[in-house]
N, C-alpha and C. Protein backbone atom coordinates (compact mmCIF):
# COMPACT_ATOMS: atom_id res chain seq x y z
N MET A 1 -4.53 -15.22 -30.42
CA MET A 1 -5.24 -14.42 -29.70
C MET A 1 -6.46 -13.99 -30.32
N SER A 2 -7.77 -14.28 -29.64
CA SER A 2 -8.67 -14.29 -29.99
C SER A 2 -8.72 -11.91 -30.35
N ARG A 3 -10.18 -11.86 -30.70
CA ARG A 3 -10.17 -9.99 -30.93
C ARG A 3 -10.43 -9.78 -29.90
N ALA A 4 -11.54 -10.62 -28.87
CA ALA A 4 -12.20 -10.12 -27.36
C ALA A 4 -10.42 -10.02 -26.63
N ALA A 5 -9.48 -10.95 -26.48
CA ALA A 5 -8.69 -10.88 -25.59
C ALA A 5 -8.06 -9.72 -26.00
N ALA A 6 -7.69 -9.68 -26.94
CA ALA A 6 -6.64 -8.19 -27.90
C ALA A 6 -7.14 -7.33 -27.51
N ARG A 7 -8.69 -6.90 -27.40
CA ARG A 7 -9.35 -5.89 -26.97
C ARG A 7 -9.74 -5.65 -25.41
N ASP A 8 -9.54 -6.47 -24.76
CA ASP A 8 -9.01 -6.52 -23.20
C ASP A 8 -7.85 -5.78 -22.79
N ASP A 9 -6.40 -6.55 -23.43
CA ASP A 9 -5.74 -6.21 -23.10
C ASP A 9 -5.22 -4.92 -23.37
N ALA A 10 -5.83 -4.13 -24.89
CA ALA A 10 -5.69 -3.10 -24.61
C ALA A 10 -6.65 -2.15 -23.88
N HIS A 11 -7.28 -2.58 -23.40
CA HIS A 11 -8.47 -1.62 -22.34
C HIS A 11 -7.39 -1.56 -20.96
N ASP A 12 -6.56 -2.66 -20.79
CA ASP A 12 -6.14 -2.84 -19.36
C ASP A 12 -5.19 -1.74 -19.49
N ALA A 13 -4.65 -1.51 -20.48
CA ALA A 13 -3.18 -0.37 -20.49
C ALA A 13 -3.87 1.26 -20.81
N ARG A 14 -4.67 1.22 -20.64
CA ARG A 14 -5.08 2.71 -20.53
C ARG A 14 -6.33 2.75 -19.25
N VAL A 15 -6.44 4.05 -18.67
CA VAL A 15 -7.74 4.32 -17.57
C VAL A 15 -7.78 5.71 -17.97
N ARG A 16 -9.44 5.66 -17.67
CA ARG A 16 -9.90 7.81 -17.82
C ARG A 16 -8.56 8.35 -17.02
N ILE A 17 -8.75 9.40 -17.30
CA ILE A 17 -8.21 10.48 -16.27
C ILE A 17 -8.77 10.74 -14.99
N ASP A 18 -10.23 10.97 -14.98
CA ASP A 18 -10.80 11.79 -13.88
C ASP A 18 -10.27 10.25 -12.77
N LYS A 19 -10.45 8.73 -13.40
CA LYS A 19 -10.51 7.56 -12.24
C LYS A 19 -9.37 7.26 -11.73
N TRP A 20 -8.48 7.65 -12.60
CA TRP A 20 -6.88 7.45 -12.44
C TRP A 20 -6.43 8.95 -11.43
N LEU A 21 -7.36 10.11 -11.62
CA LEU A 21 -7.18 10.51 -10.45
C LEU A 21 -7.38 10.30 -8.93
N TRP A 22 -8.82 9.71 -8.87
CA TRP A 22 -9.35 9.71 -7.89
C TRP A 22 -8.32 8.71 -6.94
N ALA A 23 -7.93 7.27 -7.72
CA ALA A 23 -7.86 6.15 -7.91
C ALA A 23 -6.18 6.93 -7.15
N ALA A 24 -5.38 7.30 -7.75
CA ALA A 24 -4.07 8.25 -7.06
C ALA A 24 -4.37 9.24 -5.93
N ARG A 25 -5.72 9.25 -5.60
CA ARG A 25 -5.73 10.05 -4.18
C ARG A 25 -5.39 11.63 -4.43
N PHE A 26 -5.74 12.12 -5.73
CA PHE A 26 -5.49 13.51 -5.97
C PHE A 26 -7.01 14.56 -5.84
N TYR A 27 -8.14 13.72 -5.78
CA TYR A 27 -9.34 13.95 -5.15
C TYR A 27 -10.08 13.60 -4.35
N LYS A 28 -10.97 13.34 -3.61
CA LYS A 28 -11.45 12.90 -2.72
C LYS A 28 -12.72 12.02 -3.50
N THR A 29 -13.45 12.45 -4.77
CA THR A 29 -14.54 11.70 -5.15
C THR A 29 -14.25 11.49 -7.51
N ARG A 30 -14.90 10.89 -7.78
CA ARG A 30 -14.25 10.79 -9.25
C ARG A 30 -15.06 12.08 -9.93
N SER A 31 -16.14 12.35 -9.23
CA SER A 31 -17.14 13.37 -9.95
C SER A 31 -16.30 14.93 -9.84
N LEU A 32 -15.19 14.96 -8.27
CA LEU A 32 -14.25 16.15 -8.02
C LEU A 32 -13.57 16.29 -9.10
N ALA A 33 -12.82 15.03 -9.47
CA ALA A 33 -11.76 14.84 -10.93
C ALA A 33 -12.34 15.00 -11.93
N ALA A 34 -13.90 14.69 -12.37
CA ALA A 34 -13.96 14.86 -13.57
C ALA A 34 -13.84 16.57 -13.67
N GLN A 35 -14.68 17.23 -12.57
CA GLN A 35 -15.43 18.82 -12.42
C GLN A 35 -13.90 18.90 -12.65
N ALA A 36 -12.51 18.60 -11.75
CA ALA A 36 -11.19 19.90 -12.28
C ALA A 36 -10.50 19.59 -13.75
N VAL A 37 -11.33 18.34 -14.19
CA VAL A 37 -9.94 18.11 -15.22
C VAL A 37 -11.30 18.62 -16.58
N ASP A 38 -12.72 19.26 -16.26
CA ASP A 38 -13.25 20.10 -17.34
C ASP A 38 -13.01 21.67 -17.14
N ALA A 39 -12.47 21.87 -15.77
CA ALA A 39 -11.95 23.49 -15.48
C ALA A 39 -10.68 23.88 -15.74
N GLY A 40 -10.07 22.60 -16.68
CA GLY A 40 -8.63 23.13 -16.66
C GLY A 40 -7.85 22.70 -16.09
N GLN A 41 -8.10 22.38 -15.13
CA GLN A 41 -6.87 22.07 -13.67
C GLN A 41 -5.88 21.24 -13.85
N VAL A 42 -6.26 20.43 -15.06
CA VAL A 42 -5.46 19.11 -15.22
C VAL A 42 -4.86 18.79 -16.74
N ARG A 43 -3.50 18.92 -17.04
CA ARG A 43 -3.33 18.63 -18.38
C ARG A 43 -2.53 17.53 -18.27
N VAL A 44 -2.97 16.79 -19.61
CA VAL A 44 -1.92 15.51 -19.81
C VAL A 44 -1.07 16.36 -20.93
N GLY A 45 0.33 15.92 -20.67
CA GLY A 45 1.28 16.61 -21.97
C GLY A 45 1.19 18.07 -22.35
N ASP A 46 0.87 18.92 -21.17
CA ASP A 46 0.83 20.24 -21.63
C ASP A 46 -0.87 20.12 -22.17
N GLU A 47 -1.75 19.57 -22.24
CA GLU A 47 -2.67 19.92 -23.33
C GLU A 47 -4.10 19.34 -22.15
N ARG A 48 -4.88 20.81 -22.31
CA ARG A 48 -5.99 20.39 -21.66
C ARG A 48 -7.34 19.08 -22.25
N VAL A 49 -7.87 17.93 -21.29
CA VAL A 49 -8.00 17.01 -22.03
C VAL A 49 -9.58 17.33 -21.53
N LYS A 50 -10.34 16.03 -21.54
CA LYS A 50 -11.58 15.77 -21.30
C LYS A 50 -11.50 14.52 -20.05
N PRO A 51 -12.76 14.44 -18.98
CA PRO A 51 -12.22 13.57 -18.30
C PRO A 51 -12.35 12.06 -18.56
N ALA A 52 -12.87 11.74 -19.78
CA ALA A 52 -12.51 10.19 -20.73
C ALA A 52 -11.06 10.30 -21.01
N ARG A 53 -10.24 10.91 -21.47
CA ARG A 53 -9.54 11.07 -21.77
C ARG A 53 -8.34 9.91 -20.81
N ALA A 54 -7.76 8.74 -22.11
CA ALA A 54 -7.25 7.57 -21.63
C ALA A 54 -5.88 8.36 -21.04
N VAL A 55 -5.21 7.92 -19.92
CA VAL A 55 -3.82 8.17 -19.73
C VAL A 55 -2.85 6.94 -19.40
N ARG A 56 -1.85 7.00 -20.50
CA ARG A 56 -0.93 5.60 -19.70
C ARG A 56 0.12 5.74 -19.45
N PRO A 57 0.72 4.58 -19.07
CA PRO A 57 1.86 4.77 -18.32
C PRO A 57 2.89 5.45 -19.24
N GLY A 58 3.77 6.67 -18.21
CA GLY A 58 4.31 7.22 -19.30
C GLY A 58 4.36 8.92 -19.51
N ASP A 59 2.96 9.00 -19.05
CA ASP A 59 2.32 10.19 -19.52
C ASP A 59 2.84 11.46 -18.34
N THR A 60 2.97 12.19 -18.58
CA THR A 60 3.42 13.70 -17.68
C THR A 60 1.82 14.02 -17.59
N VAL A 61 1.51 14.34 -16.41
CA VAL A 61 0.03 14.84 -15.93
C VAL A 61 0.34 16.23 -15.21
N ALA A 62 -0.09 17.61 -15.40
CA ALA A 62 -0.08 18.78 -14.22
C ALA A 62 -0.98 19.07 -13.67
N ILE A 63 -1.19 18.70 -12.10
CA ILE A 63 -2.37 19.18 -11.70
C ILE A 63 -2.77 20.35 -10.78
N ARG A 64 -3.16 21.28 -11.19
CA ARG A 64 -3.46 22.28 -9.94
C ARG A 64 -4.45 21.98 -9.08
N LYS A 65 -4.44 22.60 -8.15
CA LYS A 65 -4.70 22.42 -6.70
C LYS A 65 -4.80 22.94 -5.69
N ALA A 66 -5.79 24.14 -5.23
CA ALA A 66 -5.01 24.74 -3.89
C ALA A 66 -4.54 25.88 -4.07
N GLY A 67 -4.11 26.13 -5.49
CA GLY A 67 -2.79 27.22 -5.42
C GLY A 67 -1.38 26.17 -5.78
N PHE A 68 -1.46 25.01 -5.56
CA PHE A 68 -0.39 24.09 -5.45
C PHE A 68 -0.12 23.45 -6.48
N VAL A 69 0.89 23.10 -7.35
CA VAL A 69 0.83 22.21 -9.09
C VAL A 69 1.90 21.18 -8.79
N TRP A 70 1.09 20.28 -8.99
CA TRP A 70 1.96 18.69 -8.77
C TRP A 70 2.23 18.36 -10.31
N ILE A 71 3.23 18.40 -10.81
CA ILE A 71 3.44 17.96 -11.98
C ILE A 71 4.55 16.53 -12.03
N VAL A 72 3.52 15.55 -12.12
CA VAL A 72 3.69 13.93 -12.56
C VAL A 72 3.93 12.91 -13.30
N GLU A 73 4.27 11.53 -13.07
CA GLU A 73 4.73 11.20 -14.55
C GLU A 73 4.01 9.71 -14.09
N VAL A 74 3.10 9.29 -14.83
CA VAL A 74 1.94 8.38 -14.41
C VAL A 74 2.91 6.83 -14.66
N LEU A 75 3.25 6.20 -13.75
CA LEU A 75 3.96 5.14 -13.71
C LEU A 75 3.21 3.73 -13.80
N ALA A 76 1.76 3.34 -13.39
CA ALA A 76 0.73 2.76 -13.37
C ALA A 76 -0.74 2.96 -13.49
N LEU A 77 -0.84 2.11 -13.75
CA LEU A 77 -2.69 2.15 -13.91
C LEU A 77 -3.26 1.87 -13.11
N SER A 78 -4.66 2.23 -12.35
CA SER A 78 -5.68 1.69 -11.10
C SER A 78 -6.62 2.36 -11.76
N ASP A 79 -8.31 1.52 -12.09
CA ASP A 79 -9.13 2.57 -11.88
C ASP A 79 -9.65 2.12 -10.15
N ARG A 80 -9.43 1.42 -9.59
CA ARG A 80 -10.02 0.83 -8.05
C ARG A 80 -9.08 2.07 -7.17
N ARG A 81 -9.75 2.73 -6.13
CA ARG A 81 -8.61 3.20 -5.13
C ARG A 81 -8.83 2.92 -3.74
N GLY A 82 -7.27 2.38 -3.53
CA GLY A 82 -6.69 1.84 -2.45
C GLY A 82 -6.17 2.74 -1.56
N GLY A 83 -5.68 2.25 -0.82
CA GLY A 83 -4.94 3.14 -0.12
C GLY A 83 -3.44 4.24 -0.16
N ALA A 84 -3.09 4.86 0.83
CA ALA A 84 -2.17 6.07 0.27
C ALA A 84 -1.42 5.55 -0.33
N ALA A 85 -0.40 4.01 0.57
CA ALA A 85 1.06 3.37 -0.07
C ALA A 85 0.80 3.28 -1.10
N GLU A 86 -0.95 2.22 -1.57
CA GLU A 86 -0.65 1.84 -2.99
C GLU A 86 -0.85 3.07 -3.92
N ALA A 87 -1.57 4.42 -3.87
CA ALA A 87 -1.45 5.12 -4.65
C ALA A 87 -0.44 5.89 -5.18
N ALA A 88 -0.01 5.89 -4.00
CA ALA A 88 1.65 6.72 -4.18
C ALA A 88 2.82 6.07 -4.75
N LEU A 89 2.05 4.38 -5.13
CA LEU A 89 2.98 3.55 -6.59
C LEU A 89 2.60 3.94 -7.78
N LEU A 90 1.10 4.04 -8.27
CA LEU A 90 0.98 5.53 -9.20
C LEU A 90 1.63 5.73 -9.91
N TYR A 91 2.30 6.80 -9.51
CA TYR A 91 2.72 7.96 -10.05
C TYR A 91 4.26 8.66 -9.13
N ARG A 92 4.88 9.57 -9.84
CA ARG A 92 6.32 9.92 -9.39
C ARG A 92 6.42 10.88 -9.63
N GLU A 93 6.31 12.05 -8.68
CA GLU A 93 6.18 13.49 -8.76
C GLU A 93 7.74 13.64 -9.27
N THR A 94 7.82 15.20 -10.34
CA THR A 94 9.26 15.59 -10.63
C THR A 94 9.88 16.47 -9.47
N ASP A 95 11.01 16.38 -9.55
CA ASP A 95 11.84 17.19 -8.39
C ASP A 95 11.51 18.67 -8.69
N ALA A 96 11.98 19.34 -9.82
CA ALA A 96 11.57 20.38 -10.25
C ALA A 96 9.79 20.47 -9.71
N SER A 97 8.55 19.91 -9.88
CA SER A 97 7.52 20.29 -9.05
C SER A 97 7.40 20.26 -7.37
N ARG A 98 8.40 19.15 -6.75
CA ARG A 98 8.42 19.14 -5.48
C ARG A 98 9.11 20.25 -4.91
N GLU A 99 10.44 20.85 -5.51
CA GLU A 99 11.02 22.31 -4.92
C GLU A 99 9.86 22.94 -5.35
N ALA A 100 9.29 23.23 -6.43
CA ALA A 100 8.48 24.34 -6.19
C ALA A 100 7.13 24.43 -5.33
N ARG A 101 6.97 23.40 -5.04
CA ARG A 101 5.62 23.06 -4.21
C ARG A 101 6.05 23.55 -2.64
N ASP A 102 7.48 23.08 -2.74
CA ASP A 102 8.17 23.57 -1.09
C ASP A 102 8.11 24.74 -0.91
N ALA A 103 8.59 25.63 -1.88
CA ALA A 103 9.13 26.59 -1.85
C ALA A 103 7.54 27.55 -1.92
N LEU A 104 6.87 27.69 -2.39
CA LEU A 104 5.39 27.85 -1.96
C LEU A 104 4.69 27.38 -0.50
N VAL A 105 5.02 26.51 -0.13
CA VAL A 105 4.44 25.86 1.09
C VAL A 105 5.52 27.30 1.76
N ALA A 106 6.33 26.81 1.98
CA ALA A 106 7.60 27.99 3.17
C ALA A 106 7.02 29.21 2.95
N GLN A 107 6.94 29.83 1.39
CA GLN A 107 6.39 31.24 1.30
C GLN A 107 4.84 31.50 2.00
N THR A 108 3.94 30.79 2.02
CA THR A 108 2.58 31.02 2.70
C THR A 108 3.02 30.88 4.26
N ARG A 109 4.11 29.96 4.71
CA ARG A 109 4.05 29.99 6.17
C ARG A 109 4.32 31.23 6.78
N VAL A 110 5.75 31.99 6.00
CA VAL A 110 6.12 32.81 6.42
C VAL A 110 5.29 33.83 6.52
N GLY A 111 4.69 34.05 5.28
CA GLY A 111 3.38 35.19 5.22
C GLY A 111 2.20 35.01 6.10
N ALA A 112 2.43 33.78 6.90
CA ALA A 112 1.17 33.59 7.73
C ALA A 112 1.41 34.13 9.07
N ALA A 113 2.85 33.43 9.46
CA ALA A 113 3.71 34.35 10.73
C ALA A 113 3.37 35.25 10.77
N ALA A 114 3.54 36.37 9.50
CA ALA A 114 3.91 38.27 9.25
C ALA A 114 2.23 38.84 9.54
N SER A 115 1.24 37.96 9.28
CA SER A 115 -0.10 38.81 9.42
C SER A 115 -0.41 38.55 10.82
N PRO A 116 -1.04 39.62 11.15
CA PRO A 116 -1.75 39.35 12.71
C PRO A 116 -2.62 38.10 12.89
N GLN A 117 -2.80 37.91 13.60
CA GLN A 117 -3.24 36.67 14.48
C GLN A 117 -4.42 37.20 15.35
N LEU A 118 -5.80 37.32 14.85
CA LEU A 118 -6.94 38.03 15.71
C LEU A 118 -7.28 36.62 16.11
N PRO A 119 -7.95 36.97 17.90
CA PRO A 119 -8.47 35.49 18.36
C PRO A 119 -9.89 35.66 17.53
N GLY A 120 -10.48 36.81 17.07
CA GLY A 120 -11.85 36.30 16.72
C GLY A 120 -12.62 37.83 17.53
N ARG A 121 -13.95 37.50 17.67
CA ARG A 121 -14.34 38.96 18.84
C ARG A 121 -13.85 38.97 19.76
N PRO A 122 -13.46 40.47 20.37
CA PRO A 122 -12.98 40.51 21.72
C PRO A 122 -14.29 40.34 22.60
N THR A 123 -13.99 39.93 23.87
CA THR A 123 -15.29 39.70 24.87
C THR A 123 -15.64 40.97 25.30
N LYS A 124 -16.38 40.83 26.38
CA LYS A 124 -16.61 42.33 27.23
C LYS A 124 -16.29 42.58 27.57
N ARG A 125 -15.48 42.13 28.27
CA ARG A 125 -14.34 43.03 29.22
C ARG A 125 -13.25 43.48 28.35
N GLN A 126 -12.60 42.98 27.08
CA GLN A 126 -11.44 43.37 26.32
C GLN A 126 -12.22 44.41 25.76
N ARG A 127 -13.71 44.72 25.08
CA ARG A 127 -13.83 45.59 24.94
C ARG A 127 -14.30 46.95 25.59
N ARG A 128 -14.70 46.59 27.13
CA ARG A 128 -14.57 47.47 28.18
C ARG A 128 -13.13 48.52 28.75
N LYS A 129 -12.31 47.21 28.66
CA LYS A 129 -10.55 47.95 28.28
C LYS A 129 -10.46 48.66 27.31
N LEU A 130 -10.95 48.52 25.95
CA LEU A 130 -10.70 49.27 24.52
C LEU A 130 -11.68 50.73 25.13
N GLU A 131 -12.95 50.49 25.55
CA GLU A 131 -13.41 51.81 25.25
C GLU A 131 -12.92 52.99 26.38
N ASP A 132 -12.57 51.84 27.26
CA ASP A 132 -11.51 52.90 28.55
C ASP A 132 -10.32 53.89 27.91
N PHE A 133 -9.71 53.24 27.15
CA PHE A 133 -8.90 53.35 26.46
C PHE A 133 -9.03 54.24 25.56
N LEU A 134 -9.76 54.34 24.79
CA LEU A 134 -10.73 55.38 24.00
C LEU A 134 -10.64 56.73 24.20
N ASN A 135 -11.54 56.39 25.90
CA ASN A 135 -12.38 57.65 26.17
C ASN A 135 -11.34 58.53 26.82
N GLU A 136 -9.85 57.72 27.46
CA GLU A 136 -9.17 58.45 27.93
C GLU A 136 -9.12 60.15 27.34
N PRO A 137 -8.87 61.36 28.44
CA PRO A 137 -8.58 62.73 27.71
C PRO A 137 -6.98 62.66 27.30
């Protein structure tokens, strides 16, 4: 095996974390993925990393986005963005992560249901009714 072929095999065995996050469809653009990595919202093996950090199959990646946390194991590598079905084959979410996320979703739904649903500004008719109600003796 030539030196160039060995280098190509080694290169294929790893992908930049920002490219992988983009290909796995966690972020819409690669620059958003790189910003998230720089901000410390992405950790590989409980370590804060840089966007150029190489990710390999078997690595554990924790992604914090919009209040939710995904803890995933890297199954495959890709530096090309594909469909959602292809992206789902790149990682496997841990059971604990999925349960925690589902509990957080349920909690936010309960909180949203308990908060008052204000439709916005009152109409002219609603304002008149409110003024009449407040001005009654």
